[in-house]
């Protein structure tokens, strides 16, 4: 059984490396937009699938998120990105939990200890906190959470809802960039809205840290 698991892991890693090699040239935002737009009605599905495989391939999500805003606008871009990002985060979680646990543990030992302690103390709320406050790299914790005791359903739900604020902000930046390229008359308003969203999102960590500190001082 152990040998079969090792063989499956090797095959999986070979596939990931191959995909990363062939996809690397398409990660420029302009190329992503052109390629996905050319797919017509299949574009949203392709976009979600791209985001689904991004975390396992260690592909950064920011350029994909910005491309989503340029392609689909602020509302649908946020929806598609949230679905894809949650799917990718869930994929990485399941890989760590059921396929590559030993390898993930060897690569994330420092962070993993802190995540396990956080989950033991707060459960899904700690997952929510790490999504709203970027104290750990997303790609790393997507895997590392798979080795904690958090339930998969709680992990997926907390990830989906708590990644929405940041997703919406960067999606709107992509949308504002598209409007700038098209020479929109309301460009200043849209850029202002994008910057406003970023400022609001940047204030979330400070608010949450203060809230957690006050909560820890309340006598049990």
N, C-alpha and C. Protein backbone atom coordinates (compact mmCIF):
# COMPACT_ATOMS: atom_id res chain seq x y z
N UNK A 1 0.83 -1.21 0.00
CA UNK A 1 0.00 0.00 0.00
C UNK A 1 0.86 1.26 0.00
N UNK A 2 1.95 1.22 0.82
CA UNK A 2 2.84 2.37 0.89
C UNK A 2 3.54 2.60 -0.44
N UNK A 3 3.95 1.50 -1.12
CA UNK A 3 4.61 1.63 -2.42
C UNK A 3 3.67 2.22 -3.45
N UNK A 4 2.41 1.79 -3.43
CA UNK A 4 1.43 2.33 -4.38
C UNK A 4 1.25 3.83 -4.15
N UNK A 5 1.24 4.22 -2.89
CA UNK A 5 1.09 5.64 -2.57
C UNK A 5 2.28 6.44 -3.08
N UNK A 6 3.49 5.89 -2.92
CA UNK A 6 4.69 6.58 -3.40
C UNK A 6 4.68 6.69 -4.92
N UNK A 7 4.27 5.62 -5.60
CA UNK A 7 4.20 5.65 -7.07
C UNK A 7 3.19 6.69 -7.53
N UNK A 8 2.04 6.72 -6.87
CA UNK A 8 1.01 7.71 -7.22
C UNK A 8 1.53 9.13 -7.01
N UNK A 9 2.29 9.33 -5.94
CA UNK A 9 2.85 10.65 -5.66
C UNK A 9 3.85 11.05 -6.73
N UNK A 10 4.72 10.14 -7.14
CA UNK A 10 5.71 10.43 -8.18
C UNK A 10 5.02 10.79 -9.49
N UNK A 11 4.01 10.01 -9.87
CA UNK A 11 3.27 10.29 -11.11
C UNK A 11 2.61 11.66 -11.02
N UNK A 12 2.01 11.93 -9.87
CA UNK A 12 1.34 13.21 -9.68
C UNK A 12 2.32 14.37 -9.80
N UNK A 13 3.49 14.26 -9.19
CA UNK A 13 4.49 15.33 -9.26
C UNK A 13 5.01 15.53 -10.67
N UNK A 14 5.19 14.43 -11.41
CA UNK A 14 5.63 14.54 -12.81
C UNK A 14 4.59 15.30 -13.63
N UNK A 15 3.32 14.98 -13.41
CA UNK A 15 2.25 15.68 -14.13
C UNK A 15 2.24 17.16 -13.77
N UNK A 16 2.40 17.48 -12.49
CA UNK A 16 2.41 18.87 -12.06
C UNK A 16 3.56 19.65 -12.69
N UNK A 17 4.74 19.08 -12.66
CA UNK A 17 5.91 19.75 -13.24
C UNK A 17 5.71 19.97 -14.74
N UNK A 18 5.16 18.99 -15.42
CA UNK A 18 4.91 19.12 -16.86
C UNK A 18 3.91 20.22 -17.15
N UNK A 19 2.83 20.26 -16.37
CA UNK A 19 1.83 21.31 -16.56
C UNK A 19 2.42 22.69 -16.28
N UNK A 20 3.20 22.79 -15.21
CA UNK A 20 3.81 24.08 -14.88
C UNK A 20 4.73 24.55 -16.00
N UNK A 21 5.45 23.64 -16.62
CA UNK A 21 6.37 23.99 -17.70
C UNK A 21 5.60 24.53 -18.90
N UNK A 22 4.51 23.87 -19.27
CA UNK A 22 3.78 24.28 -20.46
C UNK A 22 2.91 25.52 -20.22
N UNK A 23 2.54 25.78 -18.96
CA UNK A 23 1.68 26.92 -18.67
C UNK A 23 2.45 28.19 -18.35
N UNK A 24 3.74 28.09 -18.11
CA UNK A 24 4.50 29.23 -17.60
C UNK A 24 4.44 30.44 -18.54
N UNK A 25 4.38 30.21 -19.85
CA UNK A 25 4.40 31.33 -20.80
C UNK A 25 3.06 32.03 -20.92
N UNK A 26 2.00 31.43 -20.33
CA UNK A 26 0.67 32.03 -20.45
C UNK A 26 0.27 32.82 -19.21
N UNK A 27 1.19 33.00 -18.27
CA UNK A 27 0.82 33.63 -17.01
C UNK A 27 0.86 35.15 -17.06
N UNK A 28 1.28 35.73 -18.18
CA UNK A 28 1.15 37.18 -18.34
C UNK A 28 -0.33 37.52 -18.44
N UNK A 29 -0.74 38.61 -17.78
CA UNK A 29 -2.15 38.94 -17.71
C UNK A 29 -2.75 39.14 -19.09
N UNK A 30 -2.02 39.83 -19.99
CA UNK A 30 -2.57 40.07 -21.32
C UNK A 30 -2.78 38.77 -22.09
N UNK A 31 -1.86 37.82 -21.94
CA UNK A 31 -2.02 36.53 -22.62
C UNK A 31 -3.17 35.72 -22.03
N UNK A 32 -3.30 35.75 -20.70
CA UNK A 32 -4.41 35.05 -20.07
C UNK A 32 -5.74 35.57 -20.59
N UNK A 33 -5.87 36.89 -20.64
CA UNK A 33 -7.11 37.50 -21.10
C UNK A 33 -7.41 37.09 -22.53
N UNK A 34 -6.42 37.18 -23.40
CA UNK A 34 -6.63 36.84 -24.81
C UNK A 34 -7.01 35.37 -24.99
N UNK A 35 -6.30 34.48 -24.32
CA UNK A 35 -6.55 33.05 -24.48
C UNK A 35 -7.94 32.66 -23.98
N UNK A 36 -8.31 33.16 -22.82
CA UNK A 36 -9.60 32.79 -22.24
C UNK A 36 -10.75 33.45 -23.00
N UNK A 37 -10.56 34.69 -23.42
CA UNK A 37 -11.61 35.36 -24.20
C UNK A 37 -11.87 34.64 -25.50
N UNK A 38 -10.83 34.06 -26.09
CA UNK A 38 -10.99 33.35 -27.37
C UNK A 38 -11.85 32.10 -27.23
N UNK A 39 -12.06 31.63 -26.02
CA UNK A 39 -12.87 30.43 -25.81
C UNK A 39 -14.36 30.70 -25.78
N UNK A 40 -14.74 31.97 -25.83
CA UNK A 40 -16.16 32.32 -25.88
C UNK A 40 -16.90 31.87 -24.64
N UNK A 41 -18.04 31.17 -24.81
CA UNK A 41 -18.85 30.76 -23.65
C UNK A 41 -18.14 29.76 -22.73
N UNK A 42 -17.09 29.12 -23.23
CA UNK A 42 -16.32 28.20 -22.41
C UNK A 42 -15.28 28.92 -21.55
N UNK A 43 -15.16 30.23 -21.76
CA UNK A 43 -14.16 31.00 -21.03
C UNK A 43 -14.27 30.90 -19.51
N UNK A 44 -15.47 31.10 -18.93
CA UNK A 44 -15.58 31.00 -17.47
C UNK A 44 -15.15 29.64 -16.92
N UNK A 45 -15.52 28.57 -17.63
CA UNK A 45 -15.15 27.22 -17.18
C UNK A 45 -13.63 27.05 -17.22
N UNK A 46 -13.02 27.51 -18.32
CA UNK A 46 -11.56 27.41 -18.45
C UNK A 46 -10.87 28.23 -17.36
N UNK A 47 -11.43 29.40 -17.07
CA UNK A 47 -10.85 30.27 -16.04
C UNK A 47 -10.90 29.60 -14.67
N UNK A 48 -12.04 29.03 -14.32
CA UNK A 48 -12.18 28.34 -13.03
C UNK A 48 -11.23 27.15 -12.95
N UNK A 49 -11.11 26.40 -14.06
CA UNK A 49 -10.21 25.25 -14.07
C UNK A 49 -8.76 25.68 -13.92
N UNK A 50 -8.41 26.81 -14.54
CA UNK A 50 -7.04 27.33 -14.40
C UNK A 50 -6.75 27.65 -12.93
N UNK A 51 -7.71 28.30 -12.28
CA UNK A 51 -7.52 28.61 -10.87
C UNK A 51 -7.50 27.34 -10.02
N UNK A 52 -8.24 26.34 -10.46
CA UNK A 52 -8.29 25.07 -9.72
C UNK A 52 -6.92 24.40 -9.65
N UNK A 53 -6.17 24.48 -10.75
CA UNK A 53 -4.87 23.81 -10.77
C UNK A 53 -3.72 24.73 -10.37
N UNK A 54 -4.01 26.02 -10.16
CA UNK A 54 -2.93 26.96 -9.83
C UNK A 54 -2.24 26.64 -8.50
N UNK A 55 -2.96 26.41 -7.39
CA UNK A 55 -2.26 26.11 -6.13
C UNK A 55 -1.40 24.85 -6.18
N UNK A 56 -1.91 23.73 -6.72
CA UNK A 56 -1.04 22.55 -6.81
C UNK A 56 0.20 22.78 -7.66
N UNK A 57 0.10 23.69 -8.65
CA UNK A 57 1.25 23.98 -9.51
C UNK A 57 2.12 25.09 -8.94
N UNK A 58 1.73 25.61 -7.76
CA UNK A 58 2.46 26.72 -7.12
C UNK A 58 2.47 27.95 -8.02
N UNK A 59 1.40 28.14 -8.77
CA UNK A 59 1.25 29.31 -9.63
C UNK A 59 0.59 30.42 -8.82
N UNK A 60 1.15 31.63 -8.78
CA UNK A 60 0.54 32.72 -8.01
C UNK A 60 -0.84 33.08 -8.55
N UNK A 61 -1.76 33.35 -7.63
CA UNK A 61 -3.13 33.62 -8.04
C UNK A 61 -3.40 35.06 -8.44
N UNK A 62 -2.53 36.01 -8.04
CA UNK A 62 -2.82 37.42 -8.28
C UNK A 62 -3.01 37.75 -9.76
N UNK A 63 -2.10 37.34 -10.67
CA UNK A 63 -2.32 37.68 -12.08
C UNK A 63 -3.60 37.05 -12.64
N UNK A 64 -3.96 35.88 -12.14
CA UNK A 64 -5.19 35.24 -12.61
C UNK A 64 -6.40 36.03 -12.13
N UNK A 65 -6.36 36.50 -10.89
CA UNK A 65 -7.47 37.28 -10.34
C UNK A 65 -7.66 38.58 -11.11
N UNK A 66 -6.56 39.27 -11.39
CA UNK A 66 -6.64 40.53 -12.14
C UNK A 66 -7.17 40.27 -13.55
N UNK A 67 -6.72 39.18 -14.16
CA UNK A 67 -7.23 38.82 -15.48
C UNK A 67 -8.73 38.54 -15.43
N UNK A 68 -9.20 37.93 -14.34
CA UNK A 68 -10.63 37.67 -14.19
C UNK A 68 -11.45 38.94 -14.17
N UNK A 69 -10.93 39.98 -13.51
CA UNK A 69 -11.63 41.26 -13.51
C UNK A 69 -11.69 41.88 -14.88
N UNK A 70 -10.59 41.77 -15.63
CA UNK A 70 -10.56 42.31 -16.99
C UNK A 70 -11.49 41.54 -17.92
N UNK A 71 -11.62 40.25 -17.69
CA UNK A 71 -12.44 39.40 -18.56
C UNK A 71 -13.93 39.49 -18.26
N UNK A 72 -14.28 39.40 -16.99
CA UNK A 72 -15.68 39.19 -16.63
C UNK A 72 -16.31 40.34 -15.85
N UNK A 73 -15.53 41.38 -15.55
CA UNK A 73 -16.08 42.49 -14.78
C UNK A 73 -16.02 42.22 -13.29
N UNK A 74 -16.37 43.21 -12.47
CA UNK A 74 -16.20 43.07 -11.03
C UNK A 74 -17.08 42.02 -10.38
N UNK A 75 -18.34 41.88 -10.83
CA UNK A 75 -19.24 40.94 -10.17
C UNK A 75 -18.92 39.50 -10.54
N UNK A 76 -19.01 39.18 -11.84
CA UNK A 76 -18.78 37.79 -12.25
C UNK A 76 -17.32 37.40 -12.11
N UNK A 77 -16.43 38.37 -12.23
CA UNK A 77 -15.02 38.07 -11.99
C UNK A 77 -14.79 37.61 -10.56
N UNK A 78 -15.45 38.28 -9.61
CA UNK A 78 -15.34 37.87 -8.21
C UNK A 78 -15.94 36.49 -7.98
N UNK A 79 -17.10 36.24 -8.60
CA UNK A 79 -17.77 34.94 -8.43
C UNK A 79 -16.89 33.81 -8.99
N UNK A 80 -16.43 33.97 -10.23
CA UNK A 80 -15.63 32.91 -10.86
C UNK A 80 -14.31 32.70 -10.13
N UNK A 81 -13.69 33.80 -9.71
CA UNK A 81 -12.42 33.69 -9.00
C UNK A 81 -12.60 33.01 -7.65
N UNK A 82 -13.66 33.37 -6.94
CA UNK A 82 -13.92 32.76 -5.64
C UNK A 82 -14.14 31.25 -5.77
N UNK A 83 -14.89 30.85 -6.80
CA UNK A 83 -15.12 29.42 -7.02
C UNK A 83 -13.82 28.71 -7.36
N UNK A 84 -13.05 29.30 -8.28
CA UNK A 84 -11.79 28.67 -8.69
C UNK A 84 -10.77 28.63 -7.58
N UNK A 85 -10.64 29.74 -6.84
CA UNK A 85 -9.65 29.80 -5.76
C UNK A 85 -9.99 28.82 -4.64
N UNK A 86 -11.27 28.72 -4.31
CA UNK A 86 -11.68 27.77 -3.27
C UNK A 86 -11.46 26.34 -3.74
N UNK A 87 -11.76 26.09 -5.02
CA UNK A 87 -11.51 24.75 -5.56
C UNK A 87 -10.03 24.39 -5.53
N UNK A 88 -9.18 25.35 -5.91
CA UNK A 88 -7.74 25.10 -5.89
C UNK A 88 -7.22 24.88 -4.49
N UNK A 89 -7.70 25.71 -3.54
CA UNK A 89 -7.28 25.56 -2.15
C UNK A 89 -7.73 24.21 -1.59
N UNK A 90 -8.93 23.78 -1.99
CA UNK A 90 -9.45 22.49 -1.53
C UNK A 90 -8.66 21.34 -2.14
N UNK A 91 -8.28 21.49 -3.40
CA UNK A 91 -7.49 20.47 -4.09
C UNK A 91 -6.17 20.26 -3.36
N UNK A 92 -5.49 21.36 -3.03
CA UNK A 92 -4.21 21.27 -2.32
C UNK A 92 -4.40 20.63 -0.94
N UNK A 93 -5.46 21.02 -0.25
CA UNK A 93 -5.78 20.46 1.07
C UNK A 93 -5.92 18.94 1.00
N UNK A 94 -6.67 18.46 0.01
CA UNK A 94 -6.92 17.02 -0.13
C UNK A 94 -5.66 16.26 -0.54
N UNK A 95 -4.82 16.90 -1.36
CA UNK A 95 -3.55 16.27 -1.74
C UNK A 95 -2.71 16.01 -0.49
N UNK A 96 -2.63 17.04 0.37
CA UNK A 96 -1.84 16.89 1.59
C UNK A 96 -2.43 15.85 2.53
N UNK A 97 -3.74 15.85 2.65
CA UNK A 97 -4.38 14.96 3.63
C UNK A 97 -4.34 13.49 3.20
N UNK A 98 -4.47 13.24 1.90
CA UNK A 98 -4.65 11.85 1.47
C UNK A 98 -3.54 11.30 0.57
N UNK A 99 -2.65 12.17 0.08
CA UNK A 99 -1.66 11.69 -0.88
C UNK A 99 -0.23 12.00 -0.49
N UNK A 100 0.05 13.23 -0.15
CA UNK A 100 1.44 13.66 0.02
C UNK A 100 1.70 14.24 1.40
N UNK A 101 1.10 13.65 2.43
CA UNK A 101 1.22 14.20 3.78
C UNK A 101 2.65 14.30 4.28
N UNK A 102 3.44 13.24 4.09
CA UNK A 102 4.82 13.24 4.59
C UNK A 102 5.65 14.32 3.90
N UNK A 103 5.48 14.45 2.59
CA UNK A 103 6.24 15.45 1.84
C UNK A 103 5.84 16.86 2.26
N UNK A 104 4.54 17.11 2.40
CA UNK A 104 4.07 18.43 2.82
C UNK A 104 4.58 18.76 4.22
N UNK A 105 4.55 17.79 5.11
CA UNK A 105 5.02 18.02 6.48
C UNK A 105 6.51 18.38 6.50
N UNK A 106 7.29 17.75 5.64
CA UNK A 106 8.73 18.04 5.60
C UNK A 106 9.02 19.44 5.07
N UNK A 107 8.10 19.97 4.25
CA UNK A 107 8.31 21.28 3.65
C UNK A 107 7.68 22.42 4.45
N UNK A 108 6.76 22.10 5.35
CA UNK A 108 6.01 23.15 6.05
C UNK A 108 6.08 23.02 7.56
N UNK A 109 7.10 22.36 8.06
CA UNK A 109 7.14 22.02 9.49
C UNK A 109 6.99 23.23 10.41
N UNK A 110 7.66 24.35 10.08
CA UNK A 110 7.58 25.53 10.93
C UNK A 110 6.19 26.12 10.97
N UNK A 111 5.60 26.33 9.80
CA UNK A 111 4.25 26.89 9.72
C UNK A 111 3.23 25.89 10.24
N UNK A 112 3.44 24.62 9.94
CA UNK A 112 2.46 23.59 10.31
C UNK A 112 2.21 23.57 11.81
N UNK A 113 3.25 23.72 12.60
CA UNK A 113 3.09 23.71 14.06
C UNK A 113 2.15 24.83 14.50
N UNK A 114 2.32 26.02 13.94
CA UNK A 114 1.48 27.16 14.31
C UNK A 114 0.05 26.96 13.83
N UNK A 115 -0.12 26.36 12.65
CA UNK A 115 -1.46 26.10 12.15
C UNK A 115 -2.19 25.08 13.01
N UNK A 116 -1.49 24.02 13.40
CA UNK A 116 -2.11 23.00 14.25
C UNK A 116 -2.54 23.60 15.58
N UNK A 117 -1.70 24.44 16.16
CA UNK A 117 -2.06 25.08 17.42
C UNK A 117 -3.27 25.99 17.25
N UNK A 118 -3.30 26.74 16.15
CA UNK A 118 -4.42 27.63 15.90
C UNK A 118 -5.72 26.88 15.70
N UNK A 119 -5.68 25.78 14.95
CA UNK A 119 -6.88 24.98 14.71
C UNK A 119 -7.35 24.33 16.00
N UNK A 120 -6.43 23.85 16.83
CA UNK A 120 -6.81 23.24 18.11
C UNK A 120 -7.54 24.25 19.00
N UNK A 121 -7.10 25.51 18.96
CA UNK A 121 -7.68 26.52 19.83
C UNK A 121 -8.96 27.12 19.27
N UNK A 122 -9.02 27.31 17.94
CA UNK A 122 -10.13 28.07 17.36
C UNK A 122 -10.90 27.37 16.25
N UNK A 123 -10.43 26.22 15.80
CA UNK A 123 -11.13 25.50 14.74
C UNK A 123 -11.20 26.29 13.44
N UNK A 124 -12.37 26.28 12.81
CA UNK A 124 -12.53 26.93 11.51
C UNK A 124 -12.28 28.43 11.58
N UNK A 125 -12.48 29.02 12.75
CA UNK A 125 -12.26 30.47 12.88
C UNK A 125 -10.81 30.84 12.61
N UNK A 126 -9.90 29.92 12.91
CA UNK A 126 -8.50 30.20 12.62
C UNK A 126 -8.25 30.16 11.11
N UNK A 127 -8.93 29.26 10.40
CA UNK A 127 -8.84 29.25 8.94
C UNK A 127 -9.33 30.58 8.39
N UNK A 128 -10.47 31.05 8.90
CA UNK A 128 -11.02 32.33 8.46
C UNK A 128 -10.03 33.46 8.70
N UNK A 129 -9.40 33.45 9.87
CA UNK A 129 -8.44 34.50 10.21
C UNK A 129 -7.27 34.52 9.24
N UNK A 130 -6.73 33.34 8.91
CA UNK A 130 -5.58 33.30 8.01
C UNK A 130 -5.94 33.71 6.59
N UNK A 131 -7.21 33.58 6.21
CA UNK A 131 -7.64 34.02 4.88
C UNK A 131 -7.81 35.54 4.84
N UNK A 132 -8.24 36.11 5.94
CA UNK A 132 -8.45 37.56 5.99
C UNK A 132 -7.18 38.32 6.31
N UNK A 133 -6.30 37.70 7.08
CA UNK A 133 -5.04 38.33 7.48
C UNK A 133 -3.89 37.51 6.90
N UNK A 134 -3.21 38.02 5.88
CA UNK A 134 -2.18 37.23 5.17
C UNK A 134 -0.88 37.09 5.95
N UNK A 135 -0.95 36.37 7.09
CA UNK A 135 0.27 36.18 7.89
C UNK A 135 1.09 35.00 7.38
N UNK A 136 0.47 34.14 6.57
CA UNK A 136 1.17 33.00 5.96
C UNK A 136 0.92 33.03 4.45
N UNK A 137 1.86 32.55 3.65
CA UNK A 137 1.62 32.46 2.19
C UNK A 137 0.45 31.52 1.90
N UNK A 138 -0.49 31.97 1.07
CA UNK A 138 -1.68 31.17 0.78
C UNK A 138 -1.33 29.80 0.21
N UNK A 139 -0.39 29.78 -0.73
CA UNK A 139 -0.06 28.52 -1.40
C UNK A 139 0.43 27.49 -0.38
N UNK A 140 1.20 27.95 0.60
CA UNK A 140 1.75 27.04 1.60
C UNK A 140 0.65 26.53 2.53
N UNK A 141 -0.20 27.43 3.03
CA UNK A 141 -1.20 26.99 4.01
C UNK A 141 -2.31 26.17 3.36
N UNK A 142 -2.50 26.33 2.05
CA UNK A 142 -3.47 25.46 1.37
C UNK A 142 -3.13 23.99 1.60
N UNK A 143 -1.85 23.69 1.51
CA UNK A 143 -1.39 22.32 1.76
C UNK A 143 -1.35 22.01 3.25
N UNK A 144 -0.77 22.92 4.02
CA UNK A 144 -0.52 22.64 5.44
C UNK A 144 -1.80 22.40 6.22
N UNK A 145 -2.88 23.10 5.87
CA UNK A 145 -4.13 22.88 6.59
C UNK A 145 -4.64 21.45 6.43
N UNK A 146 -4.24 20.78 5.36
CA UNK A 146 -4.65 19.40 5.17
C UNK A 146 -4.09 18.46 6.22
N UNK A 147 -3.05 18.89 6.92
CA UNK A 147 -2.44 18.06 7.95
C UNK A 147 -2.89 18.44 9.36
N UNK A 148 -3.83 19.38 9.45
CA UNK A 148 -4.41 19.73 10.75
C UNK A 148 -5.70 18.95 10.95
N UNK A 149 -6.37 19.17 12.06
CA UNK A 149 -7.59 18.44 12.38
C UNK A 149 -8.86 19.17 11.93
N UNK A 150 -8.71 20.26 11.20
CA UNK A 150 -9.89 20.99 10.75
C UNK A 150 -10.68 20.14 9.75
N UNK A 151 -12.01 20.18 9.85
CA UNK A 151 -12.85 19.44 8.92
C UNK A 151 -12.76 20.07 7.53
N UNK A 152 -12.79 19.23 6.50
CA UNK A 152 -12.68 19.75 5.14
C UNK A 152 -13.80 20.73 4.83
N UNK A 153 -15.03 20.41 5.22
CA UNK A 153 -16.17 21.29 4.92
C UNK A 153 -15.99 22.65 5.59
N UNK A 154 -15.48 22.67 6.81
CA UNK A 154 -15.24 23.93 7.51
C UNK A 154 -14.13 24.73 6.83
N UNK A 155 -13.09 24.02 6.42
CA UNK A 155 -11.97 24.66 5.73
C UNK A 155 -12.44 25.30 4.42
N UNK A 156 -13.21 24.55 3.63
CA UNK A 156 -13.65 25.05 2.33
C UNK A 156 -14.59 26.24 2.49
N UNK A 157 -15.53 26.16 3.43
CA UNK A 157 -16.48 27.25 3.62
C UNK A 157 -15.79 28.51 4.13
N UNK A 158 -14.90 28.37 5.11
CA UNK A 158 -14.19 29.53 5.64
C UNK A 158 -13.30 30.15 4.57
N UNK A 159 -12.67 29.32 3.76
CA UNK A 159 -11.81 29.83 2.68
C UNK A 159 -12.64 30.61 1.67
N UNK A 160 -13.77 30.04 1.26
CA UNK A 160 -14.60 30.69 0.24
C UNK A 160 -15.05 32.08 0.71
N UNK A 161 -15.69 32.14 1.85
CA UNK A 161 -16.28 33.41 2.28
C UNK A 161 -15.23 34.43 2.69
N UNK A 162 -14.14 34.00 3.28
CA UNK A 162 -13.17 34.95 3.80
C UNK A 162 -12.13 35.38 2.77
N UNK A 163 -12.09 34.73 1.62
CA UNK A 163 -11.24 35.22 0.54
C UNK A 163 -11.96 36.24 -0.34
N UNK A 164 -13.28 36.38 -0.17
CA UNK A 164 -14.06 37.27 -1.03
C UNK A 164 -13.60 38.72 -0.97
N UNK A 165 -13.34 39.32 0.21
CA UNK A 165 -12.94 40.74 0.22
C UNK A 165 -11.70 41.02 -0.63
N UNK A 166 -10.64 40.26 -0.44
CA UNK A 166 -9.43 40.47 -1.23
C UNK A 166 -9.65 40.16 -2.70
N UNK A 167 -10.43 39.12 -2.97
CA UNK A 167 -10.74 38.76 -4.36
C UNK A 167 -11.47 39.89 -5.06
N UNK A 168 -12.47 40.46 -4.38
CA UNK A 168 -13.24 41.55 -4.98
C UNK A 168 -12.36 42.76 -5.27
N UNK A 169 -11.45 43.08 -4.36
CA UNK A 169 -10.59 44.24 -4.55
C UNK A 169 -9.68 44.08 -5.77
N UNK A 170 -9.02 42.94 -5.89
CA UNK A 170 -8.09 42.75 -7.01
C UNK A 170 -8.83 42.50 -8.32
N UNK A 171 -10.02 41.92 -8.24
CA UNK A 171 -10.83 41.78 -9.45
C UNK A 171 -11.22 43.15 -9.99
N UNK A 172 -11.57 44.05 -9.08
CA UNK A 172 -11.95 45.40 -9.51
C UNK A 172 -10.76 46.13 -10.11
N UNK A 173 -9.56 45.85 -9.63
CA UNK A 173 -8.37 46.45 -10.24
C UNK A 173 -8.24 45.99 -11.69
N UNK A 174 -8.46 44.70 -11.92
CA UNK A 174 -8.41 44.19 -13.29
C UNK A 174 -9.46 44.84 -14.17
N UNK A 175 -10.64 45.02 -13.62
CA UNK A 175 -11.72 45.68 -14.36
C UNK A 175 -11.37 47.13 -14.67
N UNK A 176 -10.82 47.84 -13.68
CA UNK A 176 -10.43 49.24 -13.89
C UNK A 176 -9.33 49.34 -14.94
N UNK A 177 -8.40 48.38 -14.94
CA UNK A 177 -7.35 48.37 -15.95
C UNK A 177 -7.91 48.18 -17.35
N UNK A 178 -8.91 47.31 -17.48
CA UNK A 178 -9.54 47.10 -18.78
C UNK A 178 -10.23 48.38 -19.25
N UNK A 179 -10.94 49.04 -18.33
CA UNK A 179 -11.63 50.28 -18.69
C UNK A 179 -10.64 51.37 -19.07
N UNK A 180 -9.48 51.38 -18.42
CA UNK A 180 -8.45 52.36 -18.77
C UNK A 180 -7.96 52.12 -20.20
N UNK A 181 -7.78 50.85 -20.54
CA UNK A 181 -7.32 50.52 -21.89
C UNK A 181 -8.35 50.89 -22.95
N UNK A 182 -9.63 50.85 -22.55
CA UNK A 182 -10.71 51.18 -23.49
C UNK A 182 -11.02 52.67 -23.51
N UNK A 183 -10.38 53.44 -22.63
CA UNK A 183 -10.62 54.87 -22.60
C UNK A 183 -11.96 55.25 -22.01
N UNK A 184 -12.39 54.56 -20.95
CA UNK A 184 -13.69 54.82 -20.33
C UNK A 184 -13.75 56.24 -19.77
N UNK A 185 -14.91 56.90 -19.95
CA UNK A 185 -15.07 58.26 -19.45
C UNK A 185 -15.14 58.29 -17.92
N UNK A 186 -15.59 57.21 -17.33
CA UNK A 186 -15.71 57.16 -15.86
C UNK A 186 -14.48 56.53 -15.22
N UNK A 187 -13.34 56.64 -15.90
CA UNK A 187 -12.13 55.95 -15.44
C UNK A 187 -11.71 56.38 -14.04
N UNK A 188 -11.73 57.69 -13.77
CA UNK A 188 -11.27 58.18 -12.47
C UNK A 188 -12.12 57.59 -11.35
N UNK A 189 -13.43 57.53 -11.58
CA UNK A 189 -14.32 56.97 -10.56
C UNK A 189 -13.99 55.51 -10.31
N UNK A 190 -13.75 54.76 -11.39
CA UNK A 190 -13.49 53.33 -11.25
C UNK A 190 -12.14 53.06 -10.58
N UNK A 191 -11.14 53.85 -10.93
CA UNK A 191 -9.84 53.70 -10.26
C UNK A 191 -9.96 54.06 -8.78
N UNK A 192 -10.72 55.13 -8.50
CA UNK A 192 -10.94 55.51 -7.11
C UNK A 192 -11.64 54.41 -6.32
N UNK A 193 -12.62 53.77 -6.97
CA UNK A 193 -13.33 52.67 -6.30
C UNK A 193 -12.39 51.50 -6.04
N UNK A 194 -11.52 51.20 -7.01
CA UNK A 194 -10.57 50.10 -6.83
C UNK A 194 -9.61 50.39 -5.68
N UNK A 195 -9.11 51.62 -5.63
CA UNK A 195 -8.20 51.98 -4.53
C UNK A 195 -8.92 51.96 -3.19
N UNK A 196 -10.18 52.42 -3.19
CA UNK A 196 -10.97 52.39 -1.96
C UNK A 196 -11.15 50.97 -1.44
N UNK A 197 -11.43 50.04 -2.35
CA UNK A 197 -11.57 48.64 -1.94
C UNK A 197 -10.28 48.09 -1.35
N UNK A 198 -9.16 48.44 -1.99
CA UNK A 198 -7.87 47.97 -1.48
C UNK A 198 -7.60 48.51 -0.08
N UNK A 199 -7.94 49.78 0.14
CA UNK A 199 -7.73 50.37 1.46
C UNK A 199 -8.58 49.67 2.51
N UNK A 200 -9.85 49.41 2.15
CA UNK A 200 -10.74 48.71 3.09
C UNK A 200 -10.21 47.32 3.43
N UNK A 201 -9.76 46.61 2.39
CA UNK A 201 -9.23 45.26 2.62
C UNK A 201 -7.98 45.32 3.48
N UNK A 202 -7.14 46.34 3.27
CA UNK A 202 -5.91 46.45 4.05
C UNK A 202 -6.18 46.75 5.52
N UNK A 203 -7.38 47.30 5.82
CA UNK A 203 -7.73 47.60 7.21
C UNK A 203 -8.28 46.38 7.95
N UNK A 204 -8.70 45.36 7.21
CA UNK A 204 -9.28 44.18 7.84
C UNK A 204 -8.30 43.51 8.82
N UNK A 205 -7.02 43.30 8.44
CA UNK A 205 -6.09 42.67 9.39
C UNK A 205 -5.97 43.43 10.70
N UNK A 206 -5.89 44.77 10.63
CA UNK A 206 -5.75 45.56 11.86
C UNK A 206 -6.99 45.40 12.74
N UNK A 207 -8.17 45.44 12.11
CA UNK A 207 -9.41 45.28 12.87
C UNK A 207 -9.48 43.91 13.54
N UNK A 208 -9.15 42.87 12.78
CA UNK A 208 -9.24 41.51 13.31
C UNK A 208 -8.23 41.26 14.42
N UNK A 209 -7.02 41.78 14.25
CA UNK A 209 -6.01 41.59 15.30
C UNK A 209 -6.45 42.26 16.60
N UNK A 210 -7.01 43.47 16.48
CA UNK A 210 -7.51 44.15 17.66
C UNK A 210 -8.65 43.39 18.31
N UNK A 211 -9.54 42.85 17.49
CA UNK A 211 -10.68 42.08 18.00
C UNK A 211 -10.22 40.82 18.71
N UNK A 212 -9.23 40.14 18.13
CA UNK A 212 -8.70 38.91 18.75
C UNK A 212 -8.00 39.23 20.07
N UNK A 213 -7.25 40.35 20.10
CA UNK A 213 -6.56 40.72 21.33
C UNK A 213 -7.54 41.06 22.45
N UNK A 214 -8.62 41.78 22.09
CA UNK A 214 -9.63 42.11 23.10
C UNK A 214 -10.31 40.84 23.61
N UNK A 215 -10.58 39.91 22.67
CA UNK A 215 -11.23 38.66 23.06
C UNK A 215 -10.38 37.83 23.99
N UNK A 216 -9.05 37.87 23.75
CA UNK A 216 -8.16 37.07 24.60
C UNK A 216 -8.04 37.64 26.01
N UNK A 217 -8.38 38.95 26.17
CA UNK A 217 -8.29 39.55 27.50
C UNK A 217 -9.57 39.39 28.32
N UNK A 218 -10.65 38.92 27.65
CA UNK A 218 -11.91 38.73 28.36
C UNK A 218 -11.82 37.48 29.23
N UNK A 219 -12.08 37.58 30.51
CA UNK A 219 -11.98 36.39 31.37
C UNK A 219 -12.93 35.30 30.92
N UNK A 220 -12.48 34.06 30.96
CA UNK A 220 -13.33 32.94 30.59
C UNK A 220 -14.31 32.65 31.70
